[in-house]
Amino acid sequence: MNETKELIQHIIEGIQEKKGKRTIVADLTSISDTIANYFIICQGNSPSQVTAIVESVRDFARKGADARPYAVDGLRNASWVAMDYADVLVHVFLPETRDFYDLEHLWADAKLTEIPDLD
């Protein structure tokens, strides 16, 4: 479990390094039948910023927690990129795509933690 918390911390650092905004950690551990224990959701203002956040998360997770994503999907149009770290799924959105899918509120029982933006 501590490895997962450490991974989450490095993922958040990677998001903040590239000025990702509105970062939310959704704790799904108390909900059965979810595809991951944690969702980390954030956004970038442009496809190039979304891509930069994804690369930064990849670097911070690898260097800090020796973790590599099992899959990364969505880089082609970079409006929603999902990174699969097994226990942790990272979602990097453009604002309008994030608002449309509203992942934070998909699971009403999830414990949501807002991470302050670094400006």
PDB file of N, CA and C in Angstrom:
ATOM      1  N   MET A   1       0.822  -1.211   0.000  1.00  0.00           N
ATOM      2  CA  MET A   1       0.000   0.000   0.000  1.00  0.00           C
ATOM      3  C   MET A   1       0.860   1.267   0.000  1.00  0.00           C
ATOM      4  N   ASN A   2       1.939   1.254   0.766  1.00  0.00           N
ATOM      5  CA  ASN A   2       2.823   2.421   0.790  1.00  0.00           C
ATOM      6  C   ASN A   2       3.423   2.709  -0.579  1.00  0.00           C
ATOM      7  N   GLU A   3       3.693   1.648  -1.348  1.00  0.00           N
ATOM      8  CA  GLU A   3       4.209   1.853  -2.698  1.00  0.00           C
ATOM      9  C   GLU A   3       3.209   2.627  -3.542  1.00  0.00           C
ATOM     10  N   THR A   4       1.930   2.333  -3.380  1.00  0.00           N
ATOM     11  CA  THR A   4       0.892   3.043  -4.130  1.00  0.00           C
ATOM     12  C   THR A   4       0.848   4.507  -3.725  1.00  0.00           C
ATOM     13  N   LYS A   5       0.918   4.783  -2.417  1.00  0.00           N
ATOM     14  CA  LYS A   5       0.908   6.182  -1.947  1.00  0.00           C
ATOM     15  C   LYS A   5       2.126   6.941  -2.479  1.00  0.00           C
ATOM     16  N   GLU A   6       3.264   6.261  -2.492  1.00  0.00           N
ATOM     17  CA  GLU A   6       4.492   6.874  -3.018  1.00  0.00           C
ATOM     18  C   GLU A   6       4.330   7.173  -4.510  1.00  0.00           C
ATOM     19  N   LEU A   7       3.789   6.221  -5.242  1.00  0.00           N
ATOM     20  CA  LEU A   7       3.554   6.421  -6.672  1.00  0.00           C
ATOM     21  C   LEU A   7       2.632   7.621  -6.894  1.00  0.00           C
ATOM     22  N   ILE A   8       1.550   7.699  -6.118  1.00  0.00           N
ATOM     23  CA  ILE A   8       0.607   8.817  -6.242  1.00  0.00           C
ATOM     24  C   ILE A   8       1.325  10.147  -6.023  1.00  0.00           C
ATOM     25  N   GLN A   9       2.187  10.198  -5.013  1.00  0.00           N
ATOM     26  CA  GLN A   9       2.923  11.432  -4.723  1.00  0.00           C
ATOM     27  C   GLN A   9       3.798  11.839  -5.910  1.00  0.00           C
ATOM     28  N   HIS A  10       4.494  10.871  -6.516  1.00  0.00           N
ATOM     29  CA  HIS A  10       5.355  11.184  -7.665  1.00  0.00           C
ATOM     30  C   HIS A  10       4.535  11.585  -8.886  1.00  0.00           C
ATOM     31  N   ILE A  11       3.376  10.967  -9.070  1.00  0.00           N
ATOM     32  CA  ILE A  11       2.494  11.347 -10.177  1.00  0.00           C
ATOM     33  C   ILE A  11       2.041  12.797 -10.004  1.00  0.00           C
ATOM     34  N   ILE A  12       1.653  13.163  -8.781  1.00  0.00           N
ATOM     35  CA  ILE A  12       1.224  14.544  -8.505  1.00  0.00           C
ATOM     36  C   ILE A  12       2.367  15.520  -8.776  1.00  0.00           C
ATOM     37  N   GLU A  13       3.582  15.162  -8.361  1.00  0.00           N
ATOM     38  CA  GLU A  13       4.740  16.027  -8.644  1.00  0.00           C
ATOM     39  C   GLU A  13       4.927  16.206 -10.144  1.00  0.00           C
ATOM     40  N   GLY A  14       4.746  15.133 -10.899  1.00  0.00           N
ATOM     41  CA  GLY A  14       4.878  15.222 -12.356  1.00  0.00           C
ATOM     42  C   GLY A  14       3.834  16.137 -12.965  1.00  0.00           C
ATOM     43  N   ILE A  15       2.610  16.067 -12.441  1.00  0.00           N
ATOM     44  CA  ILE A  15       1.530  16.952 -12.918  1.00  0.00           C
ATOM     45  C   ILE A  15       1.878  18.404 -12.594  1.00  0.00           C
ATOM     46  N   GLN A  16       2.311  18.646 -11.352  1.00  0.00           N
ATOM     47  CA  GLN A  16       2.605  20.015 -10.927  1.00  0.00           C
ATOM     48  C   GLN A  16       3.813  20.595 -11.666  1.00  0.00           C
ATOM     49  N   GLU A  17       4.756  19.752 -12.008  1.00  0.00           N
ATOM     50  CA  GLU A  17       5.950  20.198 -12.735  1.00  0.00           C
ATOM     51  C   GLU A  17       5.570  20.890 -14.051  1.00  0.00           C
ATOM     52  N   LYS A  18       4.502  20.415 -14.688  1.00  0.00           N
ATOM     53  CA  LYS A  18       4.070  20.990 -15.967  1.00  0.00           C
ATOM     54  C   LYS A  18       2.804  21.834 -15.822  1.00  0.00           C
ATOM     55  N   LYS A  19       2.548  22.298 -14.590  1.00  0.00           N
ATOM     56  CA  LYS A  19       1.450  23.226 -14.315  1.00  0.00           C
ATOM     57  C   LYS A  19       0.070  22.646 -14.634  1.00  0.00           C
ATOM     58  N   GLY A  20      -0.095  21.344 -14.408  1.00  0.00           N
ATOM     59  CA  GLY A  20      -1.422  20.752 -14.538  1.00  0.00           C
ATOM     60  C   GLY A  20      -2.358  21.396 -13.517  1.00  0.00           C
ATOM     61  N   LYS A  21      -3.620  21.504 -13.852  1.00  0.00           N
ATOM     62  CA  LYS A  21      -4.597  22.211 -13.005  1.00  0.00           C
ATOM     63  C   LYS A  21      -5.702  21.274 -12.523  1.00  0.00           C
ATOM     64  N   ARG A  22      -6.398  21.748 -11.462  1.00  0.00           N
ATOM     65  CA  ARG A  22      -7.577  21.066 -10.907  1.00  0.00           C
ATOM     66  C   ARG A  22      -7.317  19.575 -10.677  1.00  0.00           C
ATOM     67  N   THR A  23      -6.212  19.273 -10.016  1.00  0.00           N
ATOM     68  CA  THR A  23      -5.853  17.874  -9.762  1.00  0.00           C
ATOM     69  C   THR A  23      -6.705  17.309  -8.634  1.00  0.00           C
ATOM     70  N   ILE A  24      -7.282  16.157  -8.889  1.00  0.00           N
ATOM     71  CA  ILE A  24      -8.122  15.456  -7.912  1.00  0.00           C
ATOM     72  C   ILE A  24      -7.604  14.029  -7.782  1.00  0.00           C
ATOM     73  N   VAL A  25      -7.495  13.545  -6.542  1.00  0.00           N
ATOM     74  CA  VAL A  25      -7.220  12.128  -6.305  1.00  0.00           C
ATOM     75  C   VAL A  25      -8.519  11.518  -5.801  1.00  0.00           C
ATOM     76  N   ALA A  26      -9.028  10.542  -6.552  1.00  0.00           N
ATOM     77  CA  ALA A  26     -10.246   9.833  -6.160  1.00  0.00           C
ATOM     78  C   ALA A  26      -9.840   8.486  -5.566  1.00  0.00           C
ATOM     79  N   ASP A  27     -10.146   8.306  -4.294  1.00  0.00           N
ATOM     80  CA  ASP A  27      -9.847   7.061  -3.587  1.00  0.00           C
ATOM     81  C   ASP A  27     -11.042   6.121  -3.752  1.00  0.00           C
ATOM     82  N   LEU A  28     -10.837   5.047  -4.510  1.00  0.00           N
ATOM     83  CA  LEU A  28     -11.913   4.106  -4.808  1.00  0.00           C
ATOM     84  C   LEU A  28     -11.786   2.820  -3.993  1.00  0.00           C
ATOM     85  N   THR A  29     -10.897   2.815  -2.998  1.00  0.00           N
ATOM     86  CA  THR A  29     -10.599   1.575  -2.272  1.00  0.00           C
ATOM     87  C   THR A  29     -11.806   1.021  -1.518  1.00  0.00           C
ATOM     88  N   SER A  30     -12.761   1.875  -1.159  1.00  0.00           N
ATOM     89  CA  SER A  30     -13.923   1.383  -0.411  1.00  0.00           C
ATOM     90  C   SER A  30     -15.063   0.934  -1.325  1.00  0.00           C
ATOM     91  N   ILE A  31     -14.830   1.006  -2.632  1.00  0.00           N
ATOM     92  CA  ILE A  31     -15.870   0.644  -3.601  1.00  0.00           C
ATOM     93  C   ILE A  31     -15.457  -0.662  -4.275  1.00  0.00           C
ATOM     94  N   SER A  32     -16.365  -1.625  -4.312  1.00  0.00           N
ATOM     95  CA  SER A  32     -16.007  -2.895  -4.946  1.00  0.00           C
ATOM     96  C   SER A  32     -16.161  -2.803  -6.462  1.00  0.00           C
ATOM     97  N   ASP A  33     -15.475  -3.670  -7.153  1.00  0.00           N
ATOM     98  CA  ASP A  33     -15.570  -3.804  -8.614  1.00  0.00           C
ATOM     99  C   ASP A  33     -15.153  -2.556  -9.385  1.00  0.00           C
ATOM    100  N   THR A  34     -14.111  -1.890  -8.942  1.00  0.00           N
ATOM    101  CA  THR A  34     -13.569  -0.783  -9.731  1.00  0.00           C
ATOM    102  C   THR A  34     -12.329  -1.284 -10.462  1.00  0.00           C
ATOM    103  N   ILE A  35     -11.965  -0.610 -11.547  1.00  0.00           N
ATOM    104  CA  ILE A  35     -10.823  -1.067 -12.335  1.00  0.00           C
ATOM    105  C   ILE A  35      -9.494  -0.656 -11.724  1.00  0.00           C
ATOM    106  N   ALA A  36      -9.518   0.249 -10.753  1.00  0.00           N
ATOM    107  CA  ALA A  36      -8.293   0.685 -10.074  1.00  0.00           C
ATOM    108  C   ALA A  36      -8.678   1.133  -8.667  1.00  0.00           C
ATOM    109  N   ASN A  37      -7.684   1.254  -7.795  1.00  0.00           N
ATOM    110  CA  ASN A  37      -7.944   1.733  -6.435  1.00  0.00           C
ATOM    111  C   ASN A  37      -7.971   3.255  -6.359  1.00  0.00           C
ATOM    112  N   TYR A  38      -7.266   3.895  -7.280  1.00  0.00           N
ATOM    113  CA  TYR A  38      -7.182   5.359  -7.284  1.00  0.00           C
ATOM    114  C   TYR A  38      -7.276   5.872  -8.709  1.00  0.00           C
ATOM    115  N   PHE A  39      -7.980   6.985  -8.878  1.00  0.00           N
ATOM    116  CA  PHE A  39      -7.952   7.768 -10.107  1.00  0.00           C
ATOM    117  C   PHE A  39      -7.284   9.087  -9.752  1.00  0.00           C
ATOM    118  N   ILE A  40      -6.382   9.520 -10.597  1.00  0.00           N
ATOM    119  CA  ILE A  40      -5.834  10.870 -10.473  1.00  0.00           C
ATOM    120  C   ILE A  40      -6.271  11.603 -11.737  1.00  0.00           C
ATOM    121  N   ILE A  41      -6.971  12.711 -11.546  1.00  0.00           N
ATOM    122  CA  ILE A  41      -7.570  13.444 -12.656  1.00  0.00           C
ATOM    123  C   ILE A  41      -7.007  14.865 -12.645  1.00  0.00           C
ATOM    124  N   CYS A  42      -6.571  15.327 -13.820  1.00  0.00           N
ATOM    125  CA  CYS A  42      -6.090  16.710 -13.915  1.00  0.00           C
ATOM    126  C   CYS A  42      -6.335  17.200 -15.325  1.00  0.00           C
ATOM    127  N   GLN A  43      -5.958  18.440 -15.576  1.00  0.00           N
ATOM    128  CA  GLN A  43      -6.144  18.989 -16.915  1.00  0.00           C
ATOM    129  C   GLN A  43      -5.004  19.903 -17.305  1.00  0.00           C
ATOM    130  N   GLY A  44      -4.839  19.999 -18.624  1.00  0.00           N
ATOM    131  CA  GLY A  44      -3.925  20.956 -19.231  1.00  0.00           C
ATOM    132  C   GLY A  44      -4.724  21.834 -20.170  1.00  0.00           C
ATOM    133  N   ASN A  45      -4.186  22.983 -20.522  1.00  0.00           N
ATOM    134  CA  ASN A  45      -4.935  23.957 -21.318  1.00  0.00           C
ATOM    135  C   ASN A  45      -4.882  23.728 -22.821  1.00  0.00           C
ATOM    136  N   SER A  46      -3.975  22.873 -23.282  1.00  0.00           N
ATOM    137  CA  SER A  46      -3.825  22.631 -24.718  1.00  0.00           C
ATOM    138  C   SER A  46      -3.350  21.199 -24.921  1.00  0.00           C
ATOM    139  N   PRO A  47      -3.521  20.660 -26.131  1.00  0.00           N
ATOM    140  CA  PRO A  47      -3.001  19.312 -26.382  1.00  0.00           C
ATOM    141  C   PRO A  47      -1.497  19.192 -26.091  1.00  0.00           C
ATOM    142  N   SER A  48      -0.737  20.239 -26.389  1.00  0.00           N
ATOM    143  CA  SER A  48       0.706  20.151 -26.119  1.00  0.00           C
ATOM    144  C   SER A  48       0.982  20.135 -24.616  1.00  0.00           C
ATOM    145  N   GLN A  49       0.195  20.862 -23.818  1.00  0.00           N
ATOM    146  CA  GLN A  49       0.386  20.816 -22.369  1.00  0.00           C
ATOM    147  C   GLN A  49      -0.047  19.452 -21.818  1.00  0.00           C
ATOM    148  N   VAL A  50      -1.142  18.902 -22.332  1.00  0.00           N
ATOM    149  CA  VAL A  50      -1.578  17.564 -21.909  1.00  0.00           C
ATOM    150  C   VAL A  50      -0.452  16.558 -22.158  1.00  0.00           C
ATOM    151  N   THR A  51       0.144  16.613 -23.352  1.00  0.00           N
ATOM    152  CA  THR A  51       1.236  15.706 -23.693  1.00  0.00           C
ATOM    153  C   THR A  51       2.431  15.920 -22.769  1.00  0.00           C
ATOM    154  N   ALA A  52       2.761  17.173 -22.469  1.00  0.00           N
ATOM    155  CA  ALA A  52       3.881  17.474 -21.568  1.00  0.00           C
ATOM    156  C   ALA A  52       3.616  16.930 -20.163  1.00  0.00           C
ATOM    157  N   ILE A  53       2.378  17.044 -19.686  1.00  0.00           N
ATOM    158  CA  ILE A  53       2.027  16.508 -18.362  1.00  0.00           C
ATOM    159  C   ILE A  53       2.214  14.986 -18.355  1.00  0.00           C
ATOM    160  N   VAL A  54       1.736  14.326 -19.406  1.00  0.00           N
ATOM    161  CA  VAL A  54       1.865  12.859 -19.497  1.00  0.00           C
ATOM    162  C   VAL A  54       3.337  12.453 -19.451  1.00  0.00           C
ATOM    163  N   GLU A  55       4.172  13.136 -20.219  1.00  0.00           N
ATOM    164  CA  GLU A  55       5.607  12.815 -20.224  1.00  0.00           C
ATOM    165  C   GLU A  55       6.235  13.066 -18.857  1.00  0.00           C
ATOM    166  N   SER A  56       5.826  14.154 -18.206  1.00  0.00           N
ATOM    167  CA  SER A  56       6.353  14.485 -16.881  1.00  0.00           C
ATOM    168  C   SER A  56       5.936  13.433 -15.851  1.00  0.00           C
ATOM    169  N   VAL A  57       4.664  13.027 -15.890  1.00  0.00           N
ATOM    170  CA  VAL A  57       4.190  11.977 -14.979  1.00  0.00           C
ATOM    171  C   VAL A  57       4.993  10.705 -15.201  1.00  0.00           C
ATOM    172  N   ARG A  58       5.207  10.356 -16.451  1.00  0.00           N
ATOM    173  CA  ARG A  58       5.972   9.147 -16.792  1.00  0.00           C
ATOM    174  C   ARG A  58       7.378   9.224 -16.176  1.00  0.00           C
ATOM    175  N   ASP A  59       8.031  10.382 -16.338  1.00  0.00           N
ATOM    176  CA  ASP A  59       9.397  10.558 -15.811  1.00  0.00           C
ATOM    177  C   ASP A  59       9.426  10.506 -14.285  1.00  0.00           C
ATOM    178  N   PHE A  60       8.522  11.246 -13.634  1.00  0.00           N
ATOM    179  CA  PHE A  60       8.522  11.296 -12.166  1.00  0.00           C
ATOM    180  C   PHE A  60       8.187   9.928 -11.571  1.00  0.00           C
ATOM    181  N   ALA A  61       7.244   9.215 -12.166  1.00  0.00           N
ATOM    182  CA  ALA A  61       6.862   7.890 -11.655  1.00  0.00           C
ATOM    183  C   ALA A  61       8.012   6.903 -11.832  1.00  0.00           C
ATOM    184  N   ARG A  62       8.706   7.005 -12.959  1.00  0.00           N
ATOM    185  CA  ARG A  62       9.821   6.082 -13.221  1.00  0.00           C
ATOM    186  C   ARG A  62      10.995   6.372 -12.282  1.00  0.00           C
ATOM    187  N   LYS A  63      11.378   7.642 -12.186  1.00  0.00           N
ATOM    188  CA  LYS A  63      12.541   7.993 -11.360  1.00  0.00           C
ATOM    189  C   LYS A  63      12.240   7.881  -9.876  1.00  0.00           C
ATOM    190  N   GLY A  64      11.024   8.287  -9.463  1.00  0.00           N
ATOM    191  CA  GLY A  64      10.713   8.343  -8.039  1.00  0.00           C
ATOM    192  C   GLY A  64      10.200   7.047  -7.455  1.00  0.00           C
ATOM    193  N   ALA A  65       9.426   6.293  -8.240  1.00  0.00           N
ATOM    194  CA  ALA A  65       8.776   5.091  -7.704  1.00  0.00           C
ATOM    195  C   ALA A  65       9.116   3.848  -8.526  1.00  0.00           C
ATOM    196  N   ASP A  66      10.028   3.988  -9.476  1.00  0.00           N
ATOM    197  CA  ASP A  66      10.423   2.879 -10.348  1.00  0.00           C
ATOM    198  C   ASP A  66       9.191   2.218 -10.977  1.00  0.00           C
ATOM    199  N   ALA A  67       8.240   3.037 -11.409  1.00  0.00           N
ATOM    200  CA  ALA A  67       6.995   2.531 -11.983  1.00  0.00           C
ATOM    201  C   ALA A  67       6.868   2.991 -13.427  1.00  0.00           C
ATOM    202  N   ARG A  68       6.389   2.080 -14.247  1.00  0.00           N
ATOM    203  CA  ARG A  68       6.124   2.405 -15.650  1.00  0.00           C
ATOM    204  C   ARG A  68       4.666   2.075 -15.944  1.00  0.00           C
ATOM    205  N   PRO A  69       4.017   2.893 -16.774  1.00  0.00           N
ATOM    206  CA  PRO A  69       2.610   2.596 -17.077  1.00  0.00           C
ATOM    207  C   PRO A  69       2.498   1.327 -17.918  1.00  0.00           C
ATOM    208  N   TYR A  70       1.458   0.537 -17.642  1.00  0.00           N
ATOM    209  CA  TYR A  70       1.195  -0.648 -18.454  1.00  0.00           C
ATOM    210  C   TYR A  70       0.671  -0.239 -19.818  1.00  0.00           C
ATOM    211  N   ALA A  71      -0.031   0.885 -19.856  1.00  0.00           N
ATOM    212  CA  ALA A  71      -0.569   1.387 -21.121  1.00  0.00           C
ATOM    213  C   ALA A  71      -0.774   2.889 -21.006  1.00  0.00           C
ATOM    214  N   VAL A  72      -0.630   3.569 -22.139  1.00  0.00           N
ATOM    215  CA  VAL A  72      -0.960   4.995 -22.242  1.00  0.00           C
ATOM    216  C   VAL A  72      -1.807   5.129 -23.493  1.00  0.00           C
ATOM    217  N   ASP A  73      -3.003   5.682 -23.340  1.00  0.00           N
ATOM    218  CA  ASP A  73      -3.910   5.761 -24.470  1.00  0.00           C
ATOM    219  C   ASP A  73      -4.444   7.186 -24.607  1.00  0.00           C
ATOM    220  N   GLY A  74      -4.544   7.657 -25.850  1.00  0.00           N
ATOM    221  CA  GLY A  74      -5.151   8.958 -26.106  1.00  0.00           C
ATOM    222  C   GLY A  74      -4.177  10.032 -26.535  1.00  0.00           C
ATOM    223  N   LEU A  75      -2.899   9.683 -26.699  1.00  0.00           N
ATOM    224  CA  LEU A  75      -1.910  10.711 -27.051  1.00  0.00           C
ATOM    225  C   LEU A  75      -2.122  11.291 -28.451  1.00  0.00           C
ATOM    226  N   ARG A  76      -2.777  10.560 -29.327  1.00  0.00           N
ATOM    227  CA  ARG A  76      -2.911  11.040 -30.708  1.00  0.00           C
ATOM    228  C   ARG A  76      -3.607  12.388 -30.773  1.00  0.00           C
ATOM    229  N   ASN A  77      -4.770  12.530 -30.109  1.00  0.00           N
ATOM    230  CA  ASN A  77      -5.424  13.849 -30.141  1.00  0.00           C
ATOM    231  C   ASN A  77      -5.255  14.606 -28.829  1.00  0.00           C
ATOM    232  N   ALA A  78      -4.792  13.928 -27.792  1.00  0.00           N
ATOM    233  CA  ALA A  78      -4.415  14.555 -26.510  1.00  0.00           C
ATOM    234  C   ALA A  78      -5.532  15.412 -25.899  1.00  0.00           C
ATOM    235  N   SER A  79      -6.796  14.975 -26.055  1.00  0.00           N
ATOM    236  CA  SER A  79      -7.863  15.661 -25.325  1.00  0.00           C
ATOM    237  C   SER A  79      -8.186  14.904 -24.034  1.00  0.00           C
ATOM    238  N   TRP A  80      -7.876  13.598 -24.030  1.00  0.00           N
ATOM    239  CA  TRP A  80      -8.000  12.771 -22.827  1.00  0.00           C
ATOM    240  C   TRP A  80      -6.966  11.670 -22.935  1.00  0.00           C
ATOM    241  N   VAL A  81      -5.960  11.729 -22.094  1.00  0.00           N
ATOM    242  CA  VAL A  81      -4.932  10.685 -22.078  1.00  0.00           C
ATOM    243  C   VAL A  81      -5.084   9.907 -20.777  1.00  0.00           C
ATOM    244  N   ALA A  82      -5.177   8.590 -20.892  1.00  0.00           N
ATOM    245  CA  ALA A  82      -5.264   7.715 -19.721  1.00  0.00           C
ATOM    246  C   ALA A  82      -3.950   6.950 -19.591  1.00  0.00           C
ATOM    247  N   MET A  83      -3.425   6.924 -18.367  1.00  0.00           N
ATOM    248  CA  MET A  83      -2.188   6.196 -18.068  1.00  0.00           C
ATOM    249  C   MET A  83      -2.522   5.134 -17.020  1.00  0.00           C
ATOM    250  N   ASP A  84      -2.204   3.886 -17.321  1.00  0.00           N
ATOM    251  CA  ASP A  84      -2.566   2.757 -16.466  1.00  0.00           C
ATOM    252  C   ASP A  84      -1.354   2.294 -15.660  1.00  0.00           C
ATOM    253  N   TYR A  85      -1.399   2.575 -14.353  1.00  0.00           N
ATOM    254  CA  TYR A  85      -0.373   2.081 -13.432  1.00  0.00           C
ATOM    255  C   TYR A  85      -0.966   0.994 -12.527  1.00  0.00           C
ATOM    256  N   ALA A  86      -1.864   0.161 -13.061  1.00  0.00           N
ATOM    257  CA  ALA A  86      -2.539  -0.936 -12.344  1.00  0.00           C
ATOM    258  C   ALA A  86      -3.432  -0.410 -11.220  1.00  0.00           C
ATOM    259  N   ASP A  87      -2.879  -0.153 -10.039  1.00  0.00           N
ATOM    260  CA  ASP A  87      -3.674   0.353  -8.914  1.00  0.00           C
ATOM    261  C   ASP A  87      -4.104   1.799  -9.103  1.00  0.00           C
ATOM    262  N   VAL A  88      -3.394   2.516  -9.954  1.00  0.00           N
ATOM    263  CA  VAL A  88      -3.626   3.947 -10.142  1.00  0.00           C
ATOM    264  C   VAL A  88      -3.852   4.223 -11.627  1.00  0.00           C
ATOM    265  N   LEU A  89      -4.967   4.875 -11.946  1.00  0.00           N
ATOM    266  CA  LEU A  89      -5.214   5.337 -13.307  1.00  0.00           C
ATOM    267  C   LEU A  89      -5.109   6.856 -13.320  1.00  0.00           C
ATOM    268  N   VAL A  90      -4.294   7.368 -14.227  1.00  0.00           N
ATOM    269  CA  VAL A  90      -4.100   8.814 -14.346  1.00  0.00           C
ATOM    270  C   VAL A  90      -4.855   9.276 -15.590  1.00  0.00           C
ATOM    271  N   HIS A  91      -5.662  10.316 -15.421  1.00  0.00           N
ATOM    272  CA  HIS A  91      -6.431  10.882 -16.530  1.00  0.00           C
ATOM    273  C   HIS A  91      -6.023  12.338 -16.698  1.00  0.00           C
ATOM    274  N   VAL A  92      -5.492  12.671 -17.874  1.00  0.00           N
ATOM    275  CA  VAL A  92      -5.094  14.049 -18.169  1.00  0.00           C
ATOM    276  C   VAL A  92      -6.002  14.541 -19.299  1.00  0.00           C
ATOM    277  N   PHE A  93      -6.777  15.578 -18.998  1.00  0.00           N
ATOM    278  CA  PHE A  93      -7.814  16.058 -19.908  1.00  0.00           C
ATOM    279  C   PHE A  93      -7.533  17.461 -20.410  1.00  0.00           C
ATOM    280  N   LEU A  94      -8.165  17.802 -21.533  1.00  0.00           N
ATOM    281  CA  LEU A  94      -8.431  19.200 -21.862  1.00  0.00           C
ATOM    282  C   LEU A  94      -9.676  19.596 -21.074  1.00  0.00           C
ATOM    283  N   PRO A  95      -9.826  20.877 -20.690  1.00  0.00           N
ATOM    284  CA  PRO A  95     -10.944  21.275 -19.823  1.00  0.00           C
ATOM    285  C   PRO A  95     -12.331  20.882 -20.338  1.00  0.00           C
ATOM    286  N   GLU A  96     -12.598  21.094 -21.627  1.00  0.00           N
ATOM    287  CA  GLU A  96     -13.947  20.798 -22.127  1.00  0.00           C
ATOM    288  C   GLU A  96     -14.228  19.289 -22.138  1.00  0.00           C
ATOM    289  N   THR A  97     -13.215  18.487 -22.405  1.00  0.00           N
ATOM    290  CA  THR A  97     -13.384  17.025 -22.387  1.00  0.00           C
ATOM    291  C   THR A  97     -13.606  16.555 -20.957  1.00  0.00           C
ATOM    292  N   ARG A  98     -12.858  17.131 -20.030  1.00  0.00           N
ATOM    293  CA  ARG A  98     -13.024  16.770 -18.620  1.00  0.00           C
ATOM    294  C   ARG A  98     -14.435  17.102 -18.139  1.00  0.00           C
ATOM    295  N   ASP A  99     -14.908  18.292 -18.479  1.00  0.00           N
ATOM    296  CA  ASP A  99     -16.257  18.692 -18.060  1.00  0.00           C
ATOM    297  C   ASP A  99     -17.311  17.757 -18.646  1.00  0.00           C
ATOM    298  N   PHE A 100     -17.108  17.331 -19.886  1.00  0.00           N
ATOM    299  CA  PHE A 100     -18.072  16.463 -20.547  1.00  0.00           C
ATOM    300  C   PHE A 100     -18.169  15.100 -19.848  1.00  0.00           C
ATOM    301  N   TYR A 101     -17.028  14.487 -19.551  1.00  0.00           N
ATOM    302  CA  TYR A 101     -17.044  13.136 -18.957  1.00  0.00           C
ATOM    303  C   TYR A 101     -17.229  13.147 -17.443  1.00  0.00           C
ATOM    304  N   ASP A 102     -16.816  14.221 -16.781  1.00  0.00           N
ATOM    305  CA  ASP A 102     -17.060  14.412 -15.356  1.00  0.00           C
ATOM    306  C   ASP A 102     -16.718  13.173 -14.519  1.00  0.00           C
ATOM    307  N   LEU A 103     -15.527  12.633 -14.729  1.00  0.00           N
ATOM    308  CA  LEU A 103     -15.114  11.391 -14.054  1.00  0.00           C
ATOM    309  C   LEU A 103     -15.152  11.473 -12.535  1.00  0.00           C
ATOM    310  N   GLU A 104     -14.851  12.660 -11.998  1.00  0.00           N
ATOM    311  CA  GLU A 104     -14.820  12.787 -10.537  1.00  0.00           C
ATOM    312  C   GLU A 104     -16.128  12.361  -9.895  1.00  0.00           C
ATOM    313  N   HIS A 105     -17.223  12.564 -10.614  1.00  0.00           N
ATOM    314  CA  HIS A 105     -18.529  12.320 -10.012  1.00  0.00           C
ATOM    315  C   HIS A 105     -19.176  11.019 -10.485  1.00  0.00           C
ATOM    316  N   LEU A 106     -18.397  10.209 -11.188  1.00  0.00           N
ATOM    317  CA  LEU A 106     -18.893   8.916 -11.650  1.00  0.00           C
ATOM    318  C   LEU A 106     -19.177   7.990 -10.467  1.00  0.00           C
ATOM    319  N   TRP A 107     -18.314   8.048  -9.475  1.00  0.00           N
ATOM    320  CA  TRP A 107     -18.497   7.223  -8.283  1.00  0.00           C
ATOM    321  C   TRP A 107     -18.847   8.146  -7.123  1.00  0.00           C
ATOM    322  N   ALA A 108     -20.087   8.156  -6.740  1.00  0.00           N
ATOM    323  CA  ALA A 108     -20.537   9.051  -5.676  1.00  0.00           C
ATOM    324  C   ALA A 108     -19.859   8.740  -4.343  1.00  0.00           C
ATOM    325  N   ASP A 109     -19.466   7.485  -4.141  1.00  0.00           N
ATOM    326  CA  ASP A 109     -18.889   7.070  -2.863  1.00  0.00           C
ATOM    327  C   ASP A 109     -17.378   7.297  -2.771  1.00  0.00           C
ATOM    328  N   ALA A 110     -16.757   7.705  -3.853  1.00  0.00           N
ATOM    329  CA  ALA A 110     -15.298   7.892  -3.836  1.00  0.00           C
ATOM    330  C   ALA A 110     -14.927   9.061  -2.927  1.00  0.00           C
ATOM    331  N   LYS A 111     -13.813   8.898  -2.215  1.00  0.00           N
ATOM    332  CA  LYS A 111     -13.283   9.991  -1.398  1.00  0.00           C
ATOM    333  C   LYS A 111     -12.413  10.840  -2.315  1.00  0.00           C
ATOM    334  N   LEU A 112     -12.785  12.113  -2.495  1.00  0.00           N
ATOM    335  CA  LEU A 112     -12.052  13.005  -3.401  1.00  0.00           C
ATOM    336  C   LEU A 112     -11.145  13.934  -2.606  1.00  0.00           C
ATOM    337  N   THR A 113      -9.898  14.019  -3.036  1.00  0.00           N
ATOM    338  CA  THR A 113      -8.933  14.929  -2.424  1.00  0.00           C
ATOM    339  C   THR A 113      -8.462  15.901  -3.491  1.00  0.00           C
ATOM    340  N   GLU A 114      -8.688  17.190  -3.256  1.00  0.00           N
ATOM    341  CA  GLU A 114      -8.217  18.206  -4.197  1.00  0.00           C
ATOM    342  C   GLU A 114      -6.776  18.560  -3.871  1.00  0.00           C
ATOM    343  N   ILE A 115      -5.956  18.591  -4.896  1.00  0.00           N
ATOM    344  CA  ILE A 115      -4.550  18.982  -4.753  1.00  0.00           C
ATOM    345  C   ILE A 115      -4.448  20.428  -5.221  1.00  0.00           C
ATOM    346  N   PRO A 116      -3.945  21.329  -4.383  1.00  0.00           N
ATOM    347  CA  PRO A 116      -3.874  22.746  -4.800  1.00  0.00           C
ATOM    348  C   PRO A 116      -2.991  22.931  -6.026  1.00  0.00           C
ATOM    349  N   ASP A 117      -3.415  23.830  -6.911  1.00  0.00           N
ATOM    350  CA  ASP A 117      -2.614  24.173  -8.088  1.00  0.00           C
ATOM    351  C   ASP A 117      -1.369  24.928  -7.638  1.00  0.00           C
ATOM    352  N   LEU A 118      -0.266  24.682  -8.322  1.00  0.00           N
ATOM    353  CA  LEU A 118       0.940  25.488  -8.095  1.00  0.00           C
ATOM    354  C   LEU A 118       0.975  26.546  -9.190  1.00  0.00           C
ATOM    355  N   ASP A 119       1.080  27.804  -8.800  1.00  0.00           N
ATOM    356  CA  ASP A 119       1.111  28.866  -9.825  1.00  0.00           C
ATOM    357  C   ASP A 119       2.440  29.581  -9.833  1.00  0.00           C
TER     358      ASP A 119
END
